[in-house]
PDB file of N, CA and C in Angstrom:
ATOM      1  N   MET A   1      -2.536 -17.885 -28.204  1.00  0.00           N
ATOM      2  CA  MET A   1      -1.213 -17.867 -27.608  1.00  0.00           C
ATOM      3  C   MET A   1      -0.783 -16.408 -27.414  1.00  0.00           C
ATOM      4  N   ASP A   2      -0.251 -16.141 -26.237  1.00  0.00           N
ATOM      5  CA  ASP A   2       0.125 -14.779 -25.872  1.00  0.00           C
ATOM      6  C   ASP A   2       1.619 -14.542 -26.069  1.00  0.00           C
ATOM      7  N   LYS A   3       1.976 -13.273 -26.022  1.00  0.00           N
ATOM      8  CA  LYS A   3       3.377 -12.861 -26.101  1.00  0.00           C
ATOM      9  C   LYS A   3       3.691 -12.032 -24.863  1.00  0.00           C
ATOM     10  N   TYR A   4       4.908 -12.199 -24.364  1.00  0.00           N
ATOM     11  CA  TYR A   4       5.359 -11.467 -23.193  1.00  0.00           C
ATOM     12  C   TYR A   4       6.650 -10.738 -23.544  1.00  0.00           C
ATOM     13  N   VAL A   5       6.736  -9.477 -23.120  1.00  0.00           N
ATOM     14  CA  VAL A   5       7.869  -8.625 -23.482  1.00  0.00           C
ATOM     15  C   VAL A   5       8.713  -8.338 -22.246  1.00  0.00           C
ATOM     16  N   CYS A   6      10.023  -8.507 -22.392  1.00  0.00           N
ATOM     17  CA  CYS A   6      10.958  -8.171 -21.316  1.00  0.00           C
ATOM     18  C   CYS A   6      11.028  -6.646 -21.211  1.00  0.00           C
ATOM     19  N   THR A   7      10.760  -6.127 -20.028  1.00  0.00           N
ATOM     20  CA  THR A   7      10.777  -4.673 -19.842  1.00  0.00           C
ATOM     21  C   THR A   7      12.195  -4.124 -19.776  1.00  0.00           C
ATOM     22  N   ILE A   8      13.178  -5.008 -19.689  1.00  0.00           N
ATOM     23  CA  ILE A   8      14.569  -4.566 -19.618  1.00  0.00           C
ATOM     24  C   ILE A   8      15.170  -4.412 -21.011  1.00  0.00           C
ATOM     25  N   CYS A   9      15.071  -5.482 -21.828  1.00  0.00           N
ATOM     26  CA  CYS A   9      15.755  -5.451 -23.125  1.00  0.00           C
ATOM     27  C   CYS A   9      14.818  -5.504 -24.327  1.00  0.00           C
ATOM     28  N   GLY A  10      13.530  -5.797 -24.105  1.00  0.00           N
ATOM     29  CA  GLY A  10      12.583  -5.827 -25.212  1.00  0.00           C
ATOM     30  C   GLY A  10      12.420  -7.188 -25.867  1.00  0.00           C
ATOM     31  N   PHE A  11      13.074  -8.228 -25.343  1.00  0.00           N
ATOM     32  CA  PHE A  11      12.918  -9.577 -25.885  1.00  0.00           C
ATOM     33  C   PHE A  11      11.447  -9.984 -25.792  1.00  0.00           C
ATOM     34  N   VAL A  12      10.937 -10.608 -26.848  1.00  0.00           N
ATOM     35  CA  VAL A  12       9.538 -11.037 -26.870  1.00  0.00           C
ATOM     36  C   VAL A  12       9.487 -12.554 -26.774  1.00  0.00           C
ATOM     37  N   TYR A  13       8.838 -13.059 -25.704  1.00  0.00           N
ATOM     38  CA  TYR A  13       8.606 -14.495 -25.579  1.00  0.00           C
ATOM     39  C   TYR A  13       7.244 -14.789 -26.184  1.00  0.00           C
ATOM     40  N   ASP A  14       7.249 -15.579 -27.243  1.00  0.00           N
ATOM     41  CA  ASP A  14       6.020 -15.964 -27.937  1.00  0.00           C
ATOM     42  C   ASP A  14       5.704 -17.399 -27.545  1.00  0.00           C
ATOM     43  N   GLU A  15       4.548 -17.607 -26.899  1.00  0.00           N
ATOM     44  CA  GLU A  15       4.172 -18.947 -26.463  1.00  0.00           C
ATOM     45  C   GLU A  15       4.086 -19.917 -27.636  1.00  0.00           C
ATOM     46  N   ALA A  16       3.680 -19.439 -28.802  1.00  0.00           N
ATOM     47  CA  ALA A  16       3.532 -20.308 -29.968  1.00  0.00           C
ATOM     48  C   ALA A  16       4.884 -20.822 -30.457  1.00  0.00           C
ATOM     49  N   ASN A  17       5.923 -19.995 -30.363  1.00  0.00           N
ATOM     50  CA  ASN A  17       7.242 -20.378 -30.875  1.00  0.00           C
ATOM     51  C   ASN A  17       8.160 -20.957 -29.815  1.00  0.00           C
ATOM     52  N   GLY A  18       7.981 -20.565 -28.553  1.00  0.00           N
ATOM     53  CA  GLY A  18       8.908 -20.978 -27.511  1.00  0.00           C
ATOM     54  C   GLY A  18      10.265 -20.334 -27.731  1.00  0.00           C
ATOM     55  N   VAL A  19      11.284 -20.909 -27.114  1.00  0.00           N
ATOM     56  CA  VAL A  19      12.662 -20.453 -27.315  1.00  0.00           C
ATOM     57  C   VAL A  19      13.526 -21.709 -27.447  1.00  0.00           C
ATOM     58  N   PRO A  20      13.568 -22.284 -28.650  1.00  0.00           N
ATOM     59  CA  PRO A  20      14.302 -23.540 -28.830  1.00  0.00           C
ATOM     60  C   PRO A  20      15.783 -23.447 -28.458  1.00  0.00           C
ATOM     61  N   ASP A  21      16.375 -22.262 -28.587  1.00  0.00           N
ATOM     62  CA  ASP A  21      17.800 -22.102 -28.277  1.00  0.00           C
ATOM     63  C   ASP A  21      18.121 -22.410 -26.817  1.00  0.00           C
ATOM     64  N   VAL A  22      17.146 -22.185 -25.923  1.00  0.00           N
ATOM     65  CA  VAL A  22      17.383 -22.433 -24.496  1.00  0.00           C
ATOM     66  C   VAL A  22      16.544 -23.597 -23.974  1.00  0.00           C
ATOM     67  N   GLY A  23      15.980 -24.375 -24.880  1.00  0.00           N
ATOM     68  CA  GLY A  23      15.265 -25.582 -24.490  1.00  0.00           C
ATOM     69  C   GLY A  23      13.803 -25.405 -24.148  1.00  0.00           C
ATOM     70  N   VAL A  24      13.182 -24.309 -24.555  1.00  0.00           N
ATOM     71  CA  VAL A  24      11.752 -24.108 -24.313  1.00  0.00           C
ATOM     72  C   VAL A  24      11.024 -24.458 -25.604  1.00  0.00           C
ATOM     73  N   ALA A  25      10.226 -25.515 -25.547  1.00  0.00           N
ATOM     74  CA  ALA A  25       9.555 -26.020 -26.747  1.00  0.00           C
ATOM     75  C   ALA A  25       8.440 -25.087 -27.194  1.00  0.00           C
ATOM     76  N   ALA A  26       8.137 -25.146 -28.486  1.00  0.00           N
ATOM     77  CA  ALA A  26       7.016 -24.370 -29.031  1.00  0.00           C
ATOM     78  C   ALA A  26       5.736 -24.821 -28.352  1.00  0.00           C
ATOM     79  N   GLY A  27       4.855 -23.869 -28.083  1.00  0.00           N
ATOM     80  CA  GLY A  27       3.584 -24.171 -27.435  1.00  0.00           C
ATOM     81  C   GLY A  27       3.646 -24.152 -25.918  1.00  0.00           C
ATOM     82  N   THR A  28       4.804 -23.829 -25.336  1.00  0.00           N
ATOM     83  CA  THR A  28       4.929 -23.757 -23.879  1.00  0.00           C
ATOM     84  C   THR A  28       4.301 -22.460 -23.395  1.00  0.00           C
ATOM     85  N   SER A  29       3.290 -22.592 -22.537  1.00  0.00           N
ATOM     86  CA  SER A  29       2.612 -21.385 -22.048  1.00  0.00           C
ATOM     87  C   SER A  29       3.488 -20.685 -21.011  1.00  0.00           C
ATOM     88  N   TRP A  30       3.209 -19.417 -20.793  1.00  0.00           N
ATOM     89  CA  TRP A  30       3.965 -18.596 -19.851  1.00  0.00           C
ATOM     90  C   TRP A  30       3.911 -19.195 -18.451  1.00  0.00           C
ATOM     91  N   GLU A  31       2.741 -19.691 -18.068  1.00  0.00           N
ATOM     92  CA  GLU A  31       2.562 -20.250 -16.730  1.00  0.00           C
ATOM     93  C   GLU A  31       3.364 -21.535 -16.546  1.00  0.00           C
ATOM     94  N   ASP A  32       3.635 -22.249 -17.643  1.00  0.00           N
ATOM     95  CA  ASP A  32       4.381 -23.503 -17.557  1.00  0.00           C
ATOM     96  C   ASP A  32       5.889 -23.290 -17.448  1.00  0.00           C
ATOM     97  N   LEU A  33       6.354 -22.080 -17.712  1.00  0.00           N
ATOM     98  CA  LEU A  33       7.780 -21.802 -17.545  1.00  0.00           C
ATOM     99  C   LEU A  33       8.109 -21.822 -16.056  1.00  0.00           C
ATOM    100  N   PRO A  34       9.276 -22.338 -15.685  1.00  0.00           N
ATOM    101  CA  PRO A  34       9.633 -22.353 -14.261  1.00  0.00           C
ATOM    102  C   PRO A  34       9.781 -20.928 -13.723  1.00  0.00           C
ATOM    103  N   ASP A  35       9.568 -20.779 -12.421  1.00  0.00           N
ATOM    104  CA  ASP A  35       9.650 -19.451 -11.802  1.00  0.00           C
ATOM    105  C   ASP A  35      11.054 -18.862 -11.877  1.00  0.00           C
ATOM    106  N   ASP A  36      12.071 -19.724 -11.994  1.00  0.00           N
ATOM    107  CA  ASP A  36      13.440 -19.220 -12.067  1.00  0.00           C
ATOM    108  C   ASP A  36      13.906 -19.022 -13.511  1.00  0.00           C
ATOM    109  N   TRP A  37      12.982 -19.075 -14.469  1.00  0.00           N
ATOM    110  CA  TRP A  37      13.319 -18.851 -15.875  1.00  0.00           C
ATOM    111  C   TRP A  37      13.754 -17.402 -16.044  1.00  0.00           C
ATOM    112  N   ILE A  38      14.788 -17.197 -16.865  1.00  0.00           N
ATOM    113  CA  ILE A  38      15.299 -15.842 -17.087  1.00  0.00           C
ATOM    114  C   ILE A  38      15.306 -15.523 -18.572  1.00  0.00           C
ATOM    115  N   CYS A  39      15.331 -14.240 -18.877  1.00  0.00           N
ATOM    116  CA  CYS A  39      15.380 -13.771 -20.261  1.00  0.00           C
ATOM    117  C   CYS A  39      16.666 -14.279 -20.911  1.00  0.00           C
ATOM    118  N   PRO A  40      16.573 -14.894 -22.086  1.00  0.00           N
ATOM    119  CA  PRO A  40      17.780 -15.412 -22.729  1.00  0.00           C
ATOM    120  C   PRO A  40      18.732 -14.318 -23.229  1.00  0.00           C
ATOM    121  N   LEU A  41      18.257 -13.090 -23.341  1.00  0.00           N
ATOM    122  CA  LEU A  41      19.131 -12.012 -23.816  1.00  0.00           C
ATOM    123  C   LEU A  41      19.825 -11.272 -22.683  1.00  0.00           C
ATOM    124  N   CYS A  42      19.041 -10.838 -21.680  1.00  0.00           N
ATOM    125  CA  CYS A  42      19.623  -9.972 -20.650  1.00  0.00           C
ATOM    126  C   CYS A  42      19.664 -10.600 -19.258  1.00  0.00           C
ATOM    127  N   GLY A  43      19.004 -11.752 -19.080  1.00  0.00           N
ATOM    128  CA  GLY A  43      19.022 -12.401 -17.774  1.00  0.00           C
ATOM    129  C   GLY A  43      17.984 -11.875 -16.799  1.00  0.00           C
ATOM    130  N   ALA A  44      17.035 -11.074 -17.278  1.00  0.00           N
ATOM    131  CA  ALA A  44      15.985 -10.551 -16.395  1.00  0.00           C
ATOM    132  C   ALA A  44      15.097 -11.701 -15.930  1.00  0.00           C
ATOM    133  N   GLU A  45      14.591 -11.582 -14.720  1.00  0.00           N
ATOM    134  CA  GLU A  45      13.750 -12.630 -14.165  1.00  0.00           C
ATOM    135  C   GLU A  45      12.338 -12.547 -14.723  1.00  0.00           C
ATOM    136  N   LYS A  46      11.592 -13.613 -14.524  1.00  0.00           N
ATOM    137  CA  LYS A  46      10.245 -13.742 -15.086  1.00  0.00           C
ATOM    138  C   LYS A  46       9.310 -12.588 -14.703  1.00  0.00           C
ATOM    139  N   PRO A  47       9.345 -12.081 -13.466  1.00  0.00           N
ATOM    140  CA  PRO A  47       8.450 -10.960 -13.120  1.00  0.00           C
ATOM    141  C   PRO A  47       8.723  -9.672 -13.898  1.00  0.00           C
ATOM    142  N   GLU A  48       9.877  -9.582 -14.560  1.00  0.00           N
ATOM    143  CA  GLU A  48      10.216  -8.389 -15.334  1.00  0.00           C
ATOM    144  C   GLU A  48       9.518  -8.354 -16.690  1.00  0.00           C
ATOM    145  N   PHE A  49       8.781  -9.398 -17.035  1.00  0.00           N
ATOM    146  CA  PHE A  49       8.073  -9.465 -18.306  1.00  0.00           C
ATOM    147  C   PHE A  49       6.646  -8.963 -18.140  1.00  0.00           C
ATOM    148  N   GLU A  50       6.121  -8.336 -19.194  1.00  0.00           N
ATOM    149  CA  GLU A  50       4.729  -7.886 -19.216  1.00  0.00           C
ATOM    150  C   GLU A  50       4.041  -8.506 -20.418  1.00  0.00           C
ATOM    151  N   LYS A  51       2.775  -8.819 -20.234  1.00  0.00           N
ATOM    152  CA  LYS A  51       2.001  -9.396 -21.327  1.00  0.00           C
ATOM    153  C   LYS A  51       1.816  -8.338 -22.409  1.00  0.00           C
ATOM    154  N   GLN A  52       2.135  -8.714 -23.653  1.00  0.00           N
ATOM    155  CA  GLN A  52       2.028  -7.768 -24.762  1.00  0.00           C
ATOM    156  C   GLN A  52       0.560  -7.483 -25.042  1.00  0.00           C
ATOM    157  N   GLY A  53       0.245  -6.221 -25.233  1.00  0.00           N
ATOM    158  CA  GLY A  53      -1.118  -5.820 -25.533  1.00  0.00           C
ATOM    159  C   GLY A  53      -1.901  -5.403 -24.311  1.00  0.00           C
ATOM    160  N   GLU A  54      -1.423  -5.758 -23.122  1.00  0.00           N
ATOM    161  CA  GLU A  54      -2.100  -5.325 -21.901  1.00  0.00           C
ATOM    162  C   GLU A  54      -1.675  -3.906 -21.591  1.00  0.00           C
ATOM    163  N   PRO A  55      -2.613  -3.063 -21.222  1.00  0.00           N
ATOM    164  CA  PRO A  55      -2.218  -1.698 -20.864  1.00  0.00           C
ATOM    165  C   PRO A  55      -1.372  -1.728 -19.595  1.00  0.00           C
ATOM    166  N   THR A  56      -0.265  -1.025 -19.644  1.00  0.00           N
ATOM    167  CA  THR A  56       0.589  -0.952 -18.467  1.00  0.00           C
ATOM    168  C   THR A  56      -0.004   0.043 -17.482  1.00  0.00           C
ATOM    169  N   SER A  57       0.330  -0.142 -16.238  1.00  0.00           N
ATOM    170  CA  SER A  57      -0.196   0.769 -15.231  1.00  0.00           C
ATOM    171  C   SER A  57       0.406   2.150 -15.461  1.00  0.00           C
ATOM    172  N   VAL A  58      -0.455   3.128 -15.572  1.00  0.00           N
ATOM    173  CA  VAL A  58      -0.013   4.491 -15.844  1.00  0.00           C
ATOM    174  C   VAL A  58       0.103   5.234 -14.523  1.00  0.00           C
ATOM    175  N   ARG A  59       1.274   5.767 -14.293  1.00  0.00           N
ATOM    176  CA  ARG A  59       1.473   6.548 -13.078  1.00  0.00           C
ATOM    177  C   ARG A  59       0.936   7.946 -13.304  1.00  0.00           C
ATOM    178  N   GLU A  60       0.253   8.431 -12.307  1.00  0.00           N
ATOM    179  CA  GLU A  60      -0.286   9.782 -12.415  1.00  0.00           C
ATOM    180  C   GLU A  60       0.829  10.770 -12.115  1.00  0.00           C
ATOM    181  N   GLU A  61       1.105  11.612 -13.084  1.00  0.00           N
ATOM    182  CA  GLU A  61       2.159  12.604 -12.924  1.00  0.00           C
ATOM    183  C   GLU A  61       1.646  13.759 -12.065  1.00  0.00           C
ATOM    184  N   LYS A  62       2.342  14.000 -10.981  1.00  0.00           N
ATOM    185  CA  LYS A  62       1.987  15.129 -10.133  1.00  0.00           C
ATOM    186  C   LYS A  62       2.722  16.357 -10.659  1.00  0.00           C
ATOM    187  N   PRO A  63       2.054  17.492 -10.673  1.00  0.00           N
ATOM    188  CA  PRO A  63       2.749  18.694 -11.133  1.00  0.00           C
ATOM    189  C   PRO A  63       3.899  19.026 -10.184  1.00  0.00           C
ATOM    190  N   LYS A  64       4.999  19.425 -10.763  1.00  0.00           N
ATOM    191  CA  LYS A  64       6.169  19.764  -9.960  1.00  0.00           C
ATOM    192  C   LYS A  64       6.010  21.183  -9.429  1.00  0.00           C
ATOM    193  N   PRO A  65       6.379  21.377  -8.181  1.00  0.00           N
ATOM    194  CA  PRO A  65       6.233  22.716  -7.613  1.00  0.00           C
ATOM    195  C   PRO A  65       7.198  23.693  -8.276  1.00  0.00           C
ATOM    196  N   VAL A  66       6.731  24.906  -8.417  1.00  0.00           N
ATOM    197  CA  VAL A  66       7.554  25.959  -9.004  1.00  0.00           C
ATOM    198  C   VAL A  66       8.358  26.600  -7.884  1.00  0.00           C
ATOM    199  N   ILE A  67       9.640  26.702  -8.114  1.00  0.00           N
ATOM    200  CA  ILE A  67      10.511  27.305  -7.108  1.00  0.00           C
ATOM    201  C   ILE A  67      10.683  28.775  -7.461  1.00  0.00           C
ATOM    202  N   ASP A  68      10.249  29.614  -6.558  1.00  0.00           N
ATOM    203  CA  ASP A  68      10.398  31.049  -6.779  1.00  0.00           C
ATOM    204  C   ASP A  68      11.854  31.439  -6.553  1.00  0.00           C
ATOM    205  N   ALA A  69      12.346  32.292  -7.414  1.00  0.00           N
ATOM    206  CA  ALA A  69      13.720  32.766  -7.285  1.00  0.00           C
ATOM    207  C   ALA A  69      13.829  33.663  -6.061  1.00  0.00           C
ATOM    208  N   SER A  70      14.892  33.478  -5.349  1.00  0.00           N
ATOM    209  CA  SER A  70      15.128  34.282  -4.162  1.00  0.00           C
ATOM    210  C   SER A  70      15.414  35.723  -4.581  1.00  0.00           C
ATOM    211  N   PRO A  71      14.952  36.698  -3.803  1.00  0.00           N
ATOM    212  CA  PRO A  71      15.266  38.086  -4.152  1.00  0.00           C
ATOM    213  C   PRO A  71      16.768  38.367  -4.054  1.00  0.00           C
ATOM    214  N   ASP A  72      17.513  37.483  -3.362  1.00  0.00           N
ATOM    215  CA  ASP A  72      18.958  37.663  -3.253  1.00  0.00           C
ATOM    216  C   ASP A  72      19.678  37.280  -4.546  1.00  0.00           C
ATOM    217  N   MET A  73      19.001  36.500  -5.386  1.00  0.00           N
ATOM    218  CA  MET A  73      19.624  36.073  -6.641  1.00  0.00           C
ATOM    219  C   MET A  73      19.702  37.263  -7.587  1.00  0.00           C
ATOM    220  N   GLN A  74      20.781  37.321  -8.313  1.00  0.00           N
ATOM    221  CA  GLN A  74      20.973  38.430  -9.239  1.00  0.00           C
ATOM    222  C   GLN A  74      21.749  37.931 -10.446  1.00  0.00           C
ATOM    223  N   GLN A  75      21.780  38.731 -11.476  1.00  0.00           N
ATOM    224  CA  GLN A  75      22.612  38.421 -12.631  1.00  0.00           C
ATOM    225  C   GLN A  75      24.068  38.603 -12.218  1.00  0.00           C
ATOM    226  N   LEU A  76      24.906  37.691 -12.644  1.00  0.00           N
ATOM    227  CA  LEU A  76      26.328  37.824 -12.337  1.00  0.00           C
ATOM    228  C   LEU A  76      26.987  38.764 -13.342  1.00  0.00           C
ATOM    229  N   THR A  77      27.899  39.551 -12.842  1.00  0.00           N
ATOM    230  CA  THR A  77      28.666  40.428 -13.730  1.00  0.00           C
ATOM    231  C   THR A  77      29.709  39.572 -14.454  1.00  0.00           C
ATOM    232  N   PRO A  78      30.245  40.065 -15.560  1.00  0.00           N
ATOM    233  CA  PRO A  78      31.286  39.296 -16.259  1.00  0.00           C
ATOM    234  C   PRO A  78      32.488  38.977 -15.365  1.00  0.00           C
ATOM    235  N   LEU A  79      32.843  39.879 -14.469  1.00  0.00           N
ATOM    236  CA  LEU A  79      33.978  39.626 -13.582  1.00  0.00           C
ATOM    237  C   LEU A  79      33.656  38.505 -12.586  1.00  0.00           C
ATOM    238  N   GLU A  80      32.415  38.476 -12.100  1.00  0.00           N
ATOM    239  CA  GLU A  80      32.011  37.401 -11.194  1.00  0.00           C
ATOM    240  C   GLU A  80      31.990  36.056 -11.923  1.00  0.00           C
ATOM    241  N   ILE A  81      31.548  36.059 -13.170  1.00  0.00           N
ATOM    242  CA  ILE A  81      31.551  34.825 -13.962  1.00  0.00           C
ATOM    243  C   ILE A  81      32.988  34.372 -14.201  1.00  0.00           C
ATOM    244  N   SER A  82      33.885  35.319 -14.418  1.00  0.00           N
ATOM    245  CA  SER A  82      35.300  34.997 -14.600  1.00  0.00           C
ATOM    246  C   SER A  82      35.859  34.308 -13.353  1.00  0.00           C
ATOM    247  N   ALA A  83      35.537  34.848 -12.180  1.00  0.00           N
ATOM    248  CA  ALA A  83      36.003  34.250 -10.927  1.00  0.00           C
ATOM    249  C   ALA A  83      35.415  32.850 -10.741  1.00  0.00           C
ATOM    250  N   LEU A  84      34.151  32.697 -11.080  1.00  0.00           N
ATOM    251  CA  LEU A  84      33.499  31.389 -10.975  1.00  0.00           C
ATOM    252  C   LEU A  84      34.186  30.370 -11.883  1.00  0.00           C
ATOM    253  N   CYS A  85      34.454  30.756 -13.120  1.00  0.00           N
ATOM    254  CA  CYS A  85      35.109  29.850 -14.077  1.00  0.00           C
ATOM    255  C   CYS A  85      36.521  29.500 -13.624  1.00  0.00           C
ATOM    256  N   THR A  86      37.222  30.463 -13.027  1.00  0.00           N
ATOM    257  CA  THR A  86      38.563  30.194 -12.510  1.00  0.00           C
ATOM    258  C   THR A  86      38.500  29.150 -11.403  1.00  0.00           C
ATOM    259  N   ASN A  87      37.528  29.279 -10.507  1.00  0.00           N
ATOM    260  CA  ASN A  87      37.375  28.302  -9.429  1.00  0.00           C
ATOM    261  C   ASN A  87      37.009  26.920  -9.972  1.00  0.00           C
ATOM    262  N   LEU A  88      36.161  26.889 -10.991  1.00  0.00           N
ATOM    263  CA  LEU A  88      35.809  25.607 -11.600  1.00  0.00           C
ATOM    264  C   LEU A  88      37.030  24.976 -12.268  1.00  0.00           C
ATOM    265  N   ALA A  89      37.875  25.803 -12.870  1.00  0.00           N
ATOM    266  CA  ALA A  89      39.107  25.294 -13.488  1.00  0.00           C
ATOM    267  C   ALA A  89      40.014  24.667 -12.433  1.00  0.00           C
ATOM    268  N   LYS A  90      40.132  25.319 -11.274  1.00  0.00           N
ATOM    269  CA  LYS A  90      40.957  24.763 -10.192  1.00  0.00           C
ATOM    270  C   LYS A  90      40.394  23.425  -9.718  1.00  0.00           C
ATOM    271  N   GLY A  91      39.069  23.337  -9.637  1.00  0.00           N
ATOM    272  CA  GLY A  91      38.444  22.070  -9.249  1.00  0.00           C
ATOM    273  C   GLY A  91      38.729  20.969 -10.257  1.00  0.00           C
ATOM    274  N   CYS A  92      38.713  21.322 -11.528  1.00  0.00           N
ATOM    275  CA  CYS A  92      39.015  20.336 -12.578  1.00  0.00           C
ATOM    276  C   CYS A  92      40.465  19.874 -12.485  1.00  0.00           C
ATOM    277  N   GLU A  93      41.365  20.800 -12.180  1.00  0.00           N
ATOM    278  CA  GLU A  93      42.777  20.431 -12.036  1.00  0.00           C
ATOM    279  C   GLU A  93      42.960  19.433 -10.901  1.00  0.00           C
ATOM    280  N   LYS A  94      42.247  19.640  -9.793  1.00  0.00           N
ATOM    281  CA  LYS A  94      42.353  18.731  -8.653  1.00  0.00           C
ATOM    282  C   LYS A  94      41.773  17.353  -8.969  1.00  0.00           C
ATOM    283  N   GLN A  95      40.894  17.291  -9.950  1.00  0.00           N
ATOM    284  CA  GLN A  95      40.309  16.012 -10.362  1.00  0.00           C
ATOM    285  C   GLN A  95      41.059  15.420 -11.552  1.00  0.00           C
ATOM    286  N   TYR A  96      42.207  15.986 -11.872  1.00  0.00           N
ATOM    287  CA  TYR A  96      43.046  15.515 -12.983  1.00  0.00           C
ATOM    288  C   TYR A  96      42.290  15.536 -14.309  1.00  0.00           C
ATOM    289  N   LYS A  97      41.625  16.655 -14.554  1.00  0.00           N
ATOM    290  CA  LYS A  97      40.912  16.864 -15.817  1.00  0.00           C
ATOM    291  C   LYS A  97      41.474  18.118 -16.481  1.00  0.00           C
ATOM    292  N   PRO A  98      42.664  18.006 -17.075  1.00  0.00           N
ATOM    293  CA  PRO A  98      43.325  19.202 -17.619  1.00  0.00           C
ATOM    294  C   PRO A  98      42.588  19.821 -18.801  1.00  0.00           C
ATOM    295  N   GLU A  99      41.921  19.013 -19.618  1.00  0.00           N
ATOM    296  CA  GLU A  99      41.209  19.576 -20.779  1.00  0.00           C
ATOM    297  C   GLU A  99      40.054  20.466 -20.330  1.00  0.00           C
ATOM    298  N   GLU A 100      39.286  19.970 -19.334  1.00  0.00           N
ATOM    299  CA  GLU A 100      38.175  20.761 -18.825  1.00  0.00           C
ATOM    300  C   GLU A 100      38.680  22.019 -18.125  1.00  0.00           C
ATOM    301  N   ALA A 101      39.791  21.878 -17.384  1.00  0.00           N
ATOM    302  CA  ALA A 101      40.373  23.035 -16.698  1.00  0.00           C
ATOM    303  C   ALA A 101      40.786  24.102 -17.703  1.00  0.00           C
ATOM    304  N   ALA A 102      41.374  23.676 -18.815  1.00  0.00           N
ATOM    305  CA  ALA A 102      41.795  24.630 -19.845  1.00  0.00           C
ATOM    306  C   ALA A 102      40.588  25.359 -20.432  1.00  0.00           C
ATOM    307  N   LEU A 103      39.491  24.637 -20.623  1.00  0.00           N
ATOM    308  CA  LEU A 103      38.280  25.277 -21.162  1.00  0.00           C
ATOM    309  C   LEU A 103      37.710  26.296 -20.182  1.00  0.00           C
ATOM    310  N   PHE A 104      37.672  25.943 -18.881  1.00  0.00           N
ATOM    311  CA  PHE A 104      37.176  26.902 -17.894  1.00  0.00           C
ATOM    312  C   PHE A 104      38.104  28.112 -17.796  1.00  0.00           C
ATOM    313  N   ASN A 105      39.413  27.890 -17.919  1.00  0.00           N
ATOM    314  CA  ASN A 105      40.349  29.023 -17.910  1.00  0.00           C
ATOM    315  C   ASN A 105      40.129  29.918 -19.120  1.00  0.00           C
ATOM    316  N   GLU A 106      39.839  29.316 -20.255  1.00  0.00           N
ATOM    317  CA  GLU A 106      39.556  30.097 -21.464  1.00  0.00           C
ATOM    318  C   GLU A 106      38.301  30.948 -21.267  1.00  0.00           C
ATOM    319  N   LEU A 107      37.271  30.352 -20.669  1.00  0.00           N
ATOM    320  CA  LEU A 107      36.050  31.120 -20.376  1.00  0.00           C
ATOM    321  C   LEU A 107      36.347  32.247 -19.386  1.00  0.00           C
ATOM    322  N   ALA A 108      37.142  31.935 -18.360  1.00  0.00           N
ATOM    323  CA  ALA A 108      37.482  32.951 -17.364  1.00  0.00           C
ATOM    324  C   ALA A 108      38.207  34.122 -18.016  1.00  0.00           C
ATOM    325  N   ASP A 109      39.145  33.818 -18.908  1.00  0.00           N
ATOM    326  CA  ASP A 109      39.879  34.886 -19.604  1.00  0.00           C
ATOM    327  C   ASP A 109      38.944  35.733 -20.456  1.00  0.00           C
ATOM    328  N   TYR A 110      37.998  35.082 -21.122  1.00  0.00           N
ATOM    329  CA  TYR A 110      37.052  35.825 -21.959  1.00  0.00           C
ATOM    330  C   TYR A 110      36.228  36.785 -21.101  1.00  0.00           C
ATOM    331  N   PHE A 111      35.627  36.269 -20.021  1.00  0.00           N
ATOM    332  CA  PHE A 111      34.774  37.126 -19.199  1.00  0.00           C
ATOM    333  C   PHE A 111      35.584  38.216 -18.504  1.00  0.00           C
ATOM    334  N   LYS A 112      36.845  37.926 -18.188  1.00  0.00           N
ATOM    335  CA  LYS A 112      37.693  38.958 -17.597  1.00  0.00           C
ATOM    336  C   LYS A 112      37.974  40.057 -18.618  1.00  0.00           C
ATOM    337  N   SER A 113      38.180  39.666 -19.884  1.00  0.00           N
ATOM    338  CA  SER A 113      38.479  40.667 -20.919  1.00  0.00           C
ATOM    339  C   SER A 113      37.271  41.542 -21.233  1.00  0.00           C
ATOM    340  N   VAL A 114      36.067  40.985 -21.185  1.00  0.00           N
ATOM    341  CA  VAL A 114      34.890  41.809 -21.486  1.00  0.00           C
ATOM    342  C   VAL A 114      34.486  42.671 -20.300  1.00  0.00           C
ATOM    343  N   SER A 115      35.014  42.375 -19.115  1.00  0.00           N
ATOM    344  CA  SER A 115      34.667  43.200 -17.958  1.00  0.00           C
ATOM    345  C   SER A 115      35.651  44.343 -17.764  1.00  0.00           C
ATOM    346  N   ALA A 116      36.829  44.230 -18.364  1.00  0.00           N
ATOM    347  CA  ALA A 116      37.843  45.273 -18.196  1.00  0.00           C
ATOM    348  C   ALA A 116      37.418  46.535 -18.936  1.00  0.00           C
ATOM    349  N   PRO A 117      37.633  47.691 -18.316  1.00  0.00           N
ATOM    350  CA  PRO A 117      37.288  48.941 -19.005  1.00  0.00           C
ATOM    351  C   PRO A 117      38.187  49.143 -20.225  1.00  0.00           C
ATOM    352  N   THR A 118      37.607  49.659 -21.273  1.00  0.00           N
ATOM    353  CA  THR A 118      38.365  49.896 -22.504  1.00  0.00           C
ATOM    354  C   THR A 118      38.696  51.347 -22.682  1.00  0.00           C
TER     355      THR A 118
END
């Protein structure tokens, strides 16, 4: 008797035990379940189950291309970071996120203070 695992929630259908709670008798094979049978936990359809112990198809991972940094990119000065944080704070205010706006304003004030000549 085989076991089948729901790939959505991890429920294990054991042919030997069945699922008495939903009317599937013990000893009911996977093939004997109706095609419209669904997972009793999450409602996933029958094709979402995989036979336990069978190797799953392994996708070949392709290496991701490396993106070279543009020569135009540079380190931002503290004053530029301050301006960026101020703009992000304004965006947060427009989205009605006052806590995030306050944090960006705090960052902007910090970077402005470290950029000012002493």
